[in-house]
């Protein structure tokens, strides 16, 4: 990969830079399993529900879509509803309370391969931003020791404040590129979620990289990824090949 073709790298957070996607999956599983069981819903929550209805979306959109898949309609409530309230806002905050407890108890370490790519891009002078649907992005970045690497973070808090549509809309990625002062066509999007890949494709970014953390390479390609990797350091040019090319 020739990084001189691009000026910016825009990273989703959970599942791309940190393994917090697994924490989110566990938190959603615990919250919805208990909720659906409590209502006597026969169609129980599974990991397939996470990828189909929740992955990559703003928290309350995930609640709404999962409930719709079970033909359950709840009052919308507000984003400030207490976790025990049976509203979209309440369930979203119930999930967040579970997530925060797991993160506090277990901490989080970034993927080593992702850090290697960040180091390489810093040496290249590539501008970098985080674009996450999560309202916990700042907390996760700080816990993972990555906060200082990203001058621009467009997360769920920013999206609400600025009225930006969540993924699969390209709005948050386009805003990050704008804040970095880089055209979308000169920016690379990194995503492990189908909705995030769709947002990268919809924004006409220069390159959309799918990161396969379990959803599968083919679905990521079908959604619009230009290429799929298992680890981000696969995108660091081989230094031996670079030396050969420079002397050819």
C-alpha atoms as a PDB file:
ATOM      1  CA  UNK A   1       0.000   0.000   0.000  1.00  0.00           C
ATOM      2  CA  UNK A   2       1.361   3.403  -0.994  1.00  0.00           C
ATOM      3  CA  UNK A   3       0.481   5.775   1.829  1.00  0.00           C
ATOM      4  CA  UNK A   4       1.676   8.782  -0.192  1.00  0.00           C
ATOM      5  CA  UNK A   5      -1.643   8.495  -2.071  1.00  0.00           C
ATOM      6  CA  UNK A   6      -3.508   9.538   1.096  1.00  0.00           C
ATOM      7  CA  UNK A   7      -3.318  12.379   3.596  1.00  0.00           C
ATOM      8  CA  UNK A   8      -5.547  11.122   6.401  1.00  0.00           C
ATOM      9  CA  UNK A   9      -6.560   7.916   8.174  1.00  0.00           C
ATOM     10  CA  UNK A  10      -9.980   7.817   9.847  1.00  0.00           C
ATOM     11  CA  UNK A  11     -10.389   4.991  12.348  1.00  0.00           C
ATOM     12  CA  UNK A  12     -13.426   3.464  13.925  1.00  0.00           C
ATOM     13  CA  UNK A  13     -12.507   2.655  17.525  1.00  0.00           C
ATOM     14  CA  UNK A  14     -14.191  -0.457  18.888  1.00  0.00           C
ATOM     15  CA  UNK A  15     -12.906  -3.511  17.027  1.00  0.00           C
ATOM     16  CA  UNK A  16     -10.415  -1.542  14.930  1.00  0.00           C
ATOM     17  CA  UNK A  17      -8.054   0.065  17.445  1.00  0.00           C
ATOM     18  CA  UNK A  18      -9.207  -1.611  20.647  1.00  0.00           C
ATOM     19  CA  UNK A  19     -10.915  -4.931  21.419  1.00  0.00           C
ATOM     20  CA  UNK A  20     -13.744  -3.077  23.113  1.00  0.00           C
ATOM     21  CA  UNK A  21     -16.119  -4.351  20.438  1.00  0.00           C
ATOM     22  CA  UNK A  22     -15.981  -7.622  22.393  1.00  0.00           C
ATOM     23  CA  UNK A  23     -16.878  -5.736  25.572  1.00  0.00           C
ATOM     24  CA  UNK A  24     -19.769  -4.030  23.773  1.00  0.00           C
ATOM     25  CA  UNK A  25     -20.954  -7.406  22.470  1.00  0.00           C
ATOM     26  CA  UNK A  26     -20.910  -8.877  25.986  1.00  0.00           C
ATOM     27  CA  UNK A  27     -22.714  -5.867  27.424  1.00  0.00           C
ATOM     28  CA  UNK A  28     -25.436  -5.959  24.747  1.00  0.00           C
ATOM     29  CA  UNK A  29     -25.778  -9.723  25.206  1.00  0.00           C
ATOM     30  CA  UNK A  30     -26.183  -9.444  28.966  1.00  0.00           C
ATOM     31  CA  UNK A  31     -28.599  -6.536  28.821  1.00  0.00           C
ATOM     32  CA  UNK A  32     -30.860  -7.833  26.059  1.00  0.00           C
ATOM     33  CA  UNK A  33     -30.796 -11.453  27.231  1.00  0.00           C
ATOM     34  CA  UNK A  34     -32.032 -10.378  30.649  1.00  0.00           C
ATOM     35  CA  UNK A  35     -34.565  -7.974  29.176  1.00  0.00           C
ATOM     36  CA  UNK A  36     -36.064 -10.395  26.621  1.00  0.00           C
ATOM     37  CA  UNK A  37     -36.118 -13.254  29.138  1.00  0.00           C
ATOM     38  CA  UNK A  38     -37.898 -10.982  31.590  1.00  0.00           C
ATOM     39  CA  UNK A  39     -40.587 -10.263  28.997  1.00  0.00           C
ATOM     40  CA  UNK A  40     -40.946 -13.950  28.150  1.00  0.00           C
ATOM     41  CA  UNK A  41     -39.814 -13.438  24.546  1.00  0.00           C
ATOM     42  CA  UNK A  42     -39.159 -16.838  22.961  1.00  0.00           C
ATOM     43  CA  UNK A  43     -36.833 -15.450  20.265  1.00  0.00           C
ATOM     44  CA  UNK A  44     -33.744 -15.093  22.436  1.00  0.00           C
ATOM     45  CA  UNK A  45     -30.857 -12.717  21.793  1.00  0.00           C
ATOM     46  CA  UNK A  46     -27.834 -14.191  19.966  1.00  0.00           C
ATOM     47  CA  UNK A  47     -24.515 -12.885  18.671  1.00  0.00           C
ATOM     48  CA  UNK A  48     -26.054 -12.761  15.193  1.00  0.00           C
ATOM     49  CA  UNK A  49     -28.376 -10.040  16.500  1.00  0.00           C
ATOM     50  CA  UNK A  50     -25.375  -7.871  17.335  1.00  0.00           C
ATOM     51  CA  UNK A  51     -24.061  -7.918  13.777  1.00  0.00           C
ATOM     52  CA  UNK A  52     -27.503  -7.623  12.195  1.00  0.00           C
ATOM     53  CA  UNK A  53     -29.029  -4.858  14.308  1.00  0.00           C
ATOM     54  CA  UNK A  54     -26.473  -3.152  16.546  1.00  0.00           C
ATOM     55  CA  UNK A  55     -22.865  -3.259  15.330  1.00  0.00           C
ATOM     56  CA  UNK A  56     -21.481   0.170  14.420  1.00  0.00           C
ATOM     57  CA  UNK A  57     -24.693   2.087  15.037  1.00  0.00           C
ATOM     58  CA  UNK A  58     -25.387   4.783  17.627  1.00  0.00           C
ATOM     59  CA  UNK A  59     -26.456   3.151  20.886  1.00  0.00           C
ATOM     60  CA  UNK A  60     -30.126   4.123  20.837  1.00  0.00           C
ATOM     61  CA  UNK A  61     -30.476   3.174  17.166  1.00  0.00           C
ATOM     62  CA  UNK A  62     -29.207  -0.284  18.115  1.00  0.00           C
ATOM     63  CA  UNK A  63     -31.797  -0.569  20.880  1.00  0.00           C
ATOM     64  CA  UNK A  64     -34.570   0.566  18.549  1.00  0.00           C
ATOM     65  CA  UNK A  65     -33.577  -1.810  15.728  1.00  0.00           C
ATOM     66  CA  UNK A  66     -33.201  -4.839  17.992  1.00  0.00           C
ATOM     67  CA  UNK A  67     -36.580  -4.217  19.594  1.00  0.00           C
ATOM     68  CA  UNK A  68     -38.159  -3.836  16.157  1.00  0.00           C
ATOM     69  CA  UNK A  69     -36.750  -7.244  15.184  1.00  0.00           C
ATOM     70  CA  UNK A  70     -38.834  -8.699  18.050  1.00  0.00           C
ATOM     71  CA  UNK A  71     -41.883  -6.531  17.239  1.00  0.00           C
ATOM     72  CA  UNK A  72     -41.447  -4.695  20.544  1.00  0.00           C
ATOM     73  CA  UNK A  73     -42.362  -1.017  20.718  1.00  0.00           C
ATOM     74  CA  UNK A  74     -41.278   1.089  23.692  1.00  0.00           C
ATOM     75  CA  UNK A  75     -41.581   4.789  24.475  1.00  0.00           C
ATOM     76  CA  UNK A  76     -38.589   6.703  23.171  1.00  0.00           C
ATOM     77  CA  UNK A  77     -37.828   8.380  26.461  1.00  0.00           C
ATOM     78  CA  UNK A  78     -34.733  10.594  26.513  1.00  0.00           C
ATOM     79  CA  UNK A  79     -30.964  10.004  26.326  1.00  0.00           C
ATOM     80  CA  UNK A  80     -30.866  10.862  30.038  1.00  0.00           C
ATOM     81  CA  UNK A  81     -33.353   8.186  31.157  1.00  0.00           C
ATOM     82  CA  UNK A  82     -32.283   6.120  34.144  1.00  0.00           C
ATOM     83  CA  UNK A  83     -31.114   2.567  33.271  1.00  0.00           C
ATOM     84  CA  UNK A  84     -34.059   0.982  35.056  1.00  0.00           C
ATOM     85  CA  UNK A  85     -36.630   2.779  32.885  1.00  0.00           C
ATOM     86  CA  UNK A  86     -38.311   0.680  30.200  1.00  0.00           C
ATOM     87  CA  UNK A  87     -37.739   3.099  27.344  1.00  0.00           C
ATOM     88  CA  UNK A  88     -35.342   3.188  24.396  1.00  0.00           C
ATOM     89  CA  UNK A  89     -33.239   5.670  26.346  1.00  0.00           C
ATOM     90  CA  UNK A  90     -33.385   3.584  29.509  1.00  0.00           C
ATOM     91  CA  UNK A  91     -32.324   0.347  27.793  1.00  0.00           C
ATOM     92  CA  UNK A  92     -29.497   2.119  25.998  1.00  0.00           C
ATOM     93  CA  UNK A  93     -28.214   3.489  29.284  1.00  0.00           C
ATOM     94  CA  UNK A  94     -28.688   0.092  30.951  1.00  0.00           C
ATOM     95  CA  UNK A  95     -26.373  -1.394  28.363  1.00  0.00           C
ATOM     96  CA  UNK A  96     -23.892   1.438  28.893  1.00  0.00           C
ATOM     97  CA  UNK A  97     -23.831   0.793  32.633  1.00  0.00           C
ATOM     98  CA  UNK A  98     -22.913  -2.849  31.978  1.00  0.00           C
ATOM     99  CA  UNK A  99     -20.229  -1.779  29.478  1.00  0.00           C
ATOM    100  CA  UNK A 100     -18.713   0.725  31.919  1.00  0.00           C
ATOM    101  CA  UNK A 101     -18.600  -1.886  34.688  1.00  0.00           C
ATOM    102  CA  UNK A 102     -16.772  -4.410  32.476  1.00  0.00           C
ATOM    103  CA  UNK A 103     -14.331  -1.739  31.234  1.00  0.00           C
ATOM    104  CA  UNK A 104     -13.635  -0.617  34.816  1.00  0.00           C
ATOM    105  CA  UNK A 105     -13.076  -4.165  36.071  1.00  0.00           C
ATOM    106  CA  UNK A 106     -11.012  -5.472  33.164  1.00  0.00           C
ATOM    107  CA  UNK A 107      -9.457  -2.422  31.460  1.00  0.00           C
ATOM    108  CA  UNK A 108      -8.516  -2.414  27.780  1.00  0.00           C
ATOM    109  CA  UNK A 109      -5.334  -2.764  25.732  1.00  0.00           C
ATOM    110  CA  UNK A 110      -5.164  -1.656  22.095  1.00  0.00           C
ATOM    111  CA  UNK A 111      -4.479  -4.205  19.386  1.00  0.00           C
ATOM    112  CA  UNK A 112      -0.644  -4.343  19.053  1.00  0.00           C
ATOM    113  CA  UNK A 113      -0.884  -4.529  15.248  1.00  0.00           C
ATOM    114  CA  UNK A 114      -3.069  -1.419  15.210  1.00  0.00           C
ATOM    115  CA  UNK A 115      -0.529   0.471  17.311  1.00  0.00           C
ATOM    116  CA  UNK A 116       2.189  -0.530  14.860  1.00  0.00           C
ATOM    117  CA  UNK A 117       0.222   1.041  12.013  1.00  0.00           C
ATOM    118  CA  UNK A 118      -0.391   4.190  14.086  1.00  0.00           C
ATOM    119  CA  UNK A 119       3.344   4.447  14.692  1.00  0.00           C
ATOM    120  CA  UNK A 120       4.032   4.061  10.971  1.00  0.00           C
ATOM    121  CA  UNK A 121       1.472   6.691   9.985  1.00  0.00           C
ATOM    122  CA  UNK A 122       2.853   9.115  12.558  1.00  0.00           C
ATOM    123  CA  UNK A 123       6.277   8.739  10.937  1.00  0.00           C
ATOM    124  CA  UNK A 124       4.692   9.306   7.523  1.00  0.00           C
ATOM    125  CA  UNK A 125       2.992  12.483   8.743  1.00  0.00           C
ATOM    126  CA  UNK A 126      -0.483  11.143   7.980  1.00  0.00           C
ATOM    127  CA  UNK A 127      -3.265  13.007   9.789  1.00  0.00           C
ATOM    128  CA  UNK A 128      -5.394  10.746  11.992  1.00  0.00           C
ATOM    129  CA  UNK A 129      -8.840  10.873  13.581  1.00  0.00           C
ATOM    130  CA  UNK A 130     -11.186   8.540  15.430  1.00  0.00           C
ATOM    131  CA  UNK A 131     -14.794   8.294  14.229  1.00  0.00           C
ATOM    132  CA  UNK A 132     -16.958   6.279  16.595  1.00  0.00           C
ATOM    133  CA  UNK A 133     -20.667   5.918  17.218  1.00  0.00           C
ATOM    134  CA  UNK A 134     -19.878   5.319  20.884  1.00  0.00           C
ATOM    135  CA  UNK A 135     -20.415   7.968  23.537  1.00  0.00           C
ATOM    136  CA  UNK A 136     -17.587   6.296  25.453  1.00  0.00           C
ATOM    137  CA  UNK A 137     -14.849   6.969  22.894  1.00  0.00           C
ATOM    138  CA  UNK A 138     -12.898   9.457  25.025  1.00  0.00           C
ATOM    139  CA  UNK A 139     -12.963   7.091  28.015  1.00  0.00           C
ATOM    140  CA  UNK A 140     -11.818   4.120  25.930  1.00  0.00           C
ATOM    141  CA  UNK A 141      -9.034   6.093  24.202  1.00  0.00           C
ATOM    142  CA  UNK A 142      -7.743   7.291  27.556  1.00  0.00           C
ATOM    143  CA  UNK A 143      -7.902   3.807  29.088  1.00  0.00           C
ATOM    144  CA  UNK A 144      -6.009   2.375  26.107  1.00  0.00           C
ATOM    145  CA  UNK A 145      -3.331   5.097  26.190  1.00  0.00           C
ATOM    146  CA  UNK A 146      -4.233   6.331  22.702  1.00  0.00           C
ATOM    147  CA  UNK A 147      -5.881   9.694  23.386  1.00  0.00           C
ATOM    148  CA  UNK A 148      -2.754  11.746  22.595  1.00  0.00           C
ATOM    149  CA  UNK A 149      -2.532  10.287  19.088  1.00  0.00           C
ATOM    150  CA  UNK A 150      -5.793  11.769  17.793  1.00  0.00           C
ATOM    151  CA  UNK A 151      -6.295  15.540  17.553  1.00  0.00           C
ATOM    152  CA  UNK A 152      -9.776  14.910  16.157  1.00  0.00           C
ATOM    153  CA  UNK A 153     -12.379  12.596  17.698  1.00  0.00           C
ATOM    154  CA  UNK A 154     -15.888  12.561  16.259  1.00  0.00           C
ATOM    155  CA  UNK A 155     -17.924  10.311  18.527  1.00  0.00           C
ATOM    156  CA  UNK A 156     -21.500   9.870  19.628  1.00  0.00           C
ATOM    157  CA  UNK A 157     -21.326  12.927  21.859  1.00  0.00           C
ATOM    158  CA  UNK A 158     -20.093  15.133  19.002  1.00  0.00           C
ATOM    159  CA  UNK A 159     -22.662  13.676  16.608  1.00  0.00           C
ATOM    160  CA  UNK A 160     -25.537  14.599  18.913  1.00  0.00           C
ATOM    161  CA  UNK A 161     -24.120  18.053  19.649  1.00  0.00           C
ATOM    162  CA  UNK A 162     -23.622  18.862  15.970  1.00  0.00           C
ATOM    163  CA  UNK A 163     -26.724  17.097  14.659  1.00  0.00           C
ATOM    164  CA  UNK A 164     -24.759  14.575  12.597  1.00  0.00           C
ATOM    165  CA  UNK A 165     -26.523  11.412  11.434  1.00  0.00           C
ATOM    166  CA  UNK A 166     -24.939   8.205  12.693  1.00  0.00           C
ATOM    167  CA  UNK A 167     -23.482   5.401  10.608  1.00  0.00           C
ATOM    168  CA  UNK A 168     -24.321   4.178   7.957  1.00  0.00           C
ATOM    169  CA  UNK A 169     -24.587   7.874   7.054  1.00  0.00           C
ATOM    170  CA  UNK A 170     -21.149   9.233   6.061  1.00  0.00           C
ATOM    171  CA  UNK A 171     -21.739  12.428   8.072  1.00  0.00           C
ATOM    172  CA  UNK A 172     -19.405  11.688  10.988  1.00  0.00           C
ATOM    173  CA  UNK A 173     -16.554  10.550   8.748  1.00  0.00           C
ATOM    174  CA  UNK A 174     -16.980  13.581   6.505  1.00  0.00           C
ATOM    175  CA  UNK A 175     -16.908  15.840   9.563  1.00  0.00           C
ATOM    176  CA  UNK A 176     -13.667  14.251  10.776  1.00  0.00           C
ATOM    177  CA  UNK A 177     -12.013  14.761   7.393  1.00  0.00           C
ATOM    178  CA  UNK A 178     -13.217  18.361   7.401  1.00  0.00           C
ATOM    179  CA  UNK A 179     -11.753  18.982  10.859  1.00  0.00           C
ATOM    180  CA  UNK A 180      -8.438  17.540   9.701  1.00  0.00           C
ATOM    181  CA  UNK A 181      -8.550  19.757   6.620  1.00  0.00           C
ATOM    182  CA  UNK A 182      -8.326  16.788   4.253  1.00  0.00           C
ATOM    183  CA  UNK A 183     -10.583  15.908   1.311  1.00  0.00           C
ATOM    184  CA  UNK A 184     -12.570  12.686   1.573  1.00  0.00           C
ATOM    185  CA  UNK A 185     -10.939  11.444  -1.636  1.00  0.00           C
ATOM    186  CA  UNK A 186      -7.538  11.659   0.107  1.00  0.00           C
ATOM    187  CA  UNK A 187      -8.700   9.858   3.251  1.00  0.00           C
ATOM    188  CA  UNK A 188      -8.767   6.189   4.274  1.00  0.00           C
ATOM    189  CA  UNK A 189     -11.613   4.783   6.387  1.00  0.00           C
ATOM    190  CA  UNK A 190     -10.994   1.797   8.681  1.00  0.00           C
ATOM    191  CA  UNK A 191     -14.072  -0.146   9.803  1.00  0.00           C
ATOM    192  CA  UNK A 192     -14.990  -3.545  11.213  1.00  0.00           C
ATOM    193  CA  UNK A 193     -18.775  -2.995  11.088  1.00  0.00           C
ATOM    194  CA  UNK A 194     -20.967  -3.326   8.020  1.00  0.00           C
ATOM    195  CA  UNK A 195     -22.726  -0.052   8.815  1.00  0.00           C
ATOM    196  CA  UNK A 196     -19.361   1.694   9.097  1.00  0.00           C
ATOM    197  CA  UNK A 197     -18.122   0.294   5.800  1.00  0.00           C
ATOM    198  CA  UNK A 198     -21.352   1.500   4.216  1.00  0.00           C
ATOM    199  CA  UNK A 199     -20.723   4.990   5.588  1.00  0.00           C
ATOM    200  CA  UNK A 200     -17.217   5.007   4.130  1.00  0.00           C
ATOM    201  CA  UNK A 201     -18.519   3.955   0.746  1.00  0.00           C
ATOM    202  CA  UNK A 202     -21.362   6.502   0.832  1.00  0.00           C
ATOM    203  CA  UNK A 203     -18.867   9.292   1.570  1.00  0.00           C
ATOM    204  CA  UNK A 204     -16.766   8.547  -1.536  1.00  0.00           C
ATOM    205  CA  UNK A 205     -13.589   8.215   0.515  1.00  0.00           C
ATOM    206  CA  UNK A 206     -10.335   7.378  -1.207  1.00  0.00           C
ATOM    207  CA  UNK A 207     -10.129   3.914   0.318  1.00  0.00           C
ATOM    208  CA  UNK A 208     -12.357   1.884   2.633  1.00  0.00           C
ATOM    209  CA  UNK A 209     -10.547  -0.824   4.583  1.00  0.00           C
ATOM    210  CA  UNK A 210     -12.617  -3.538   6.223  1.00  0.00           C
ATOM    211  CA  UNK A 211     -11.148  -5.122   9.353  1.00  0.00           C
ATOM    212  CA  UNK A 212     -12.474  -8.634   9.830  1.00  0.00           C
ATOM    213  CA  UNK A 213     -13.068  -9.167  13.544  1.00  0.00           C
ATOM    214  CA  UNK A 214     -15.786 -11.742  13.025  1.00  0.00           C
ATOM    215  CA  UNK A 215     -18.342 -10.391  10.578  1.00  0.00           C
ATOM    216  CA  UNK A 216     -16.518 -12.050   7.658  1.00  0.00           C
ATOM    217  CA  UNK A 217     -14.451 -10.753   4.770  1.00  0.00           C
ATOM    218  CA  UNK A 218     -17.074 -11.266   2.065  1.00  0.00           C
ATOM    219  CA  UNK A 219     -19.847  -9.319   3.821  1.00  0.00           C
ATOM    220  CA  UNK A 220     -17.420  -6.418   4.319  1.00  0.00           C
ATOM    221  CA  UNK A 221     -16.512  -6.510   0.621  1.00  0.00           C
ATOM    222  CA  UNK A 222     -20.166  -6.775  -0.368  1.00  0.00           C
ATOM    223  CA  UNK A 223     -20.948  -3.686   1.726  1.00  0.00           C
ATOM    224  CA  UNK A 224     -18.306  -1.686  -0.122  1.00  0.00           C
ATOM    225  CA  UNK A 225     -14.869  -2.289   1.417  1.00  0.00           C
ATOM    226  CA  UNK A 226     -12.069  -1.955  -1.121  1.00  0.00           C
ATOM    227  CA  UNK A 227      -9.971  -4.490   0.746  1.00  0.00           C
ATOM    228  CA  UNK A 228     -10.167  -6.496   3.967  1.00  0.00           C
ATOM    229  CA  UNK A 229      -7.426  -7.230   6.486  1.00  0.00           C
ATOM    230  CA  UNK A 230      -7.285  -9.234   9.687  1.00  0.00           C
ATOM    231  CA  UNK A 231      -4.741  -6.916  11.341  1.00  0.00           C
ATOM    232  CA  UNK A 232      -3.841  -3.316  10.532  1.00  0.00           C
ATOM    233  CA  UNK A 233      -0.090  -3.874  10.329  1.00  0.00           C
ATOM    234  CA  UNK A 234      -0.722  -5.777   7.092  1.00  0.00           C
ATOM    235  CA  UNK A 235      -0.915  -2.283   5.587  1.00  0.00           C
ATOM    236  CA  UNK A 236       2.611  -1.289   6.571  1.00  0.00           C
ATOM    237  CA  UNK A 237       4.780  -1.472   3.446  1.00  0.00           C
ATOM    238  CA  UNK A 238       7.495  -4.100   3.598  1.00  0.00           C
ATOM    239  CA  UNK A 239      10.733  -2.159   4.290  1.00  0.00           C
ATOM    240  CA  UNK A 240      12.759  -4.576   2.161  1.00  0.00           C
ATOM    241  CA  UNK A 241      10.469  -3.998  -0.824  1.00  0.00           C
ATOM    242  CA  UNK A 242      10.641  -0.242  -0.215  1.00  0.00           C
ATOM    243  CA  UNK A 243      14.459  -0.303  -0.339  1.00  0.00           C
ATOM    244  CA  UNK A 244      14.426  -2.323  -3.554  1.00  0.00           C
ATOM    245  CA  UNK A 245      11.912   0.056  -5.148  1.00  0.00           C
ATOM    246  CA  UNK A 246      13.922   3.119  -4.153  1.00  0.00           C
ATOM    247  CA  UNK A 247      17.095   1.777  -5.834  1.00  0.00           C
ATOM    248  CA  UNK A 248      15.450   0.345  -8.950  1.00  0.00           C
END
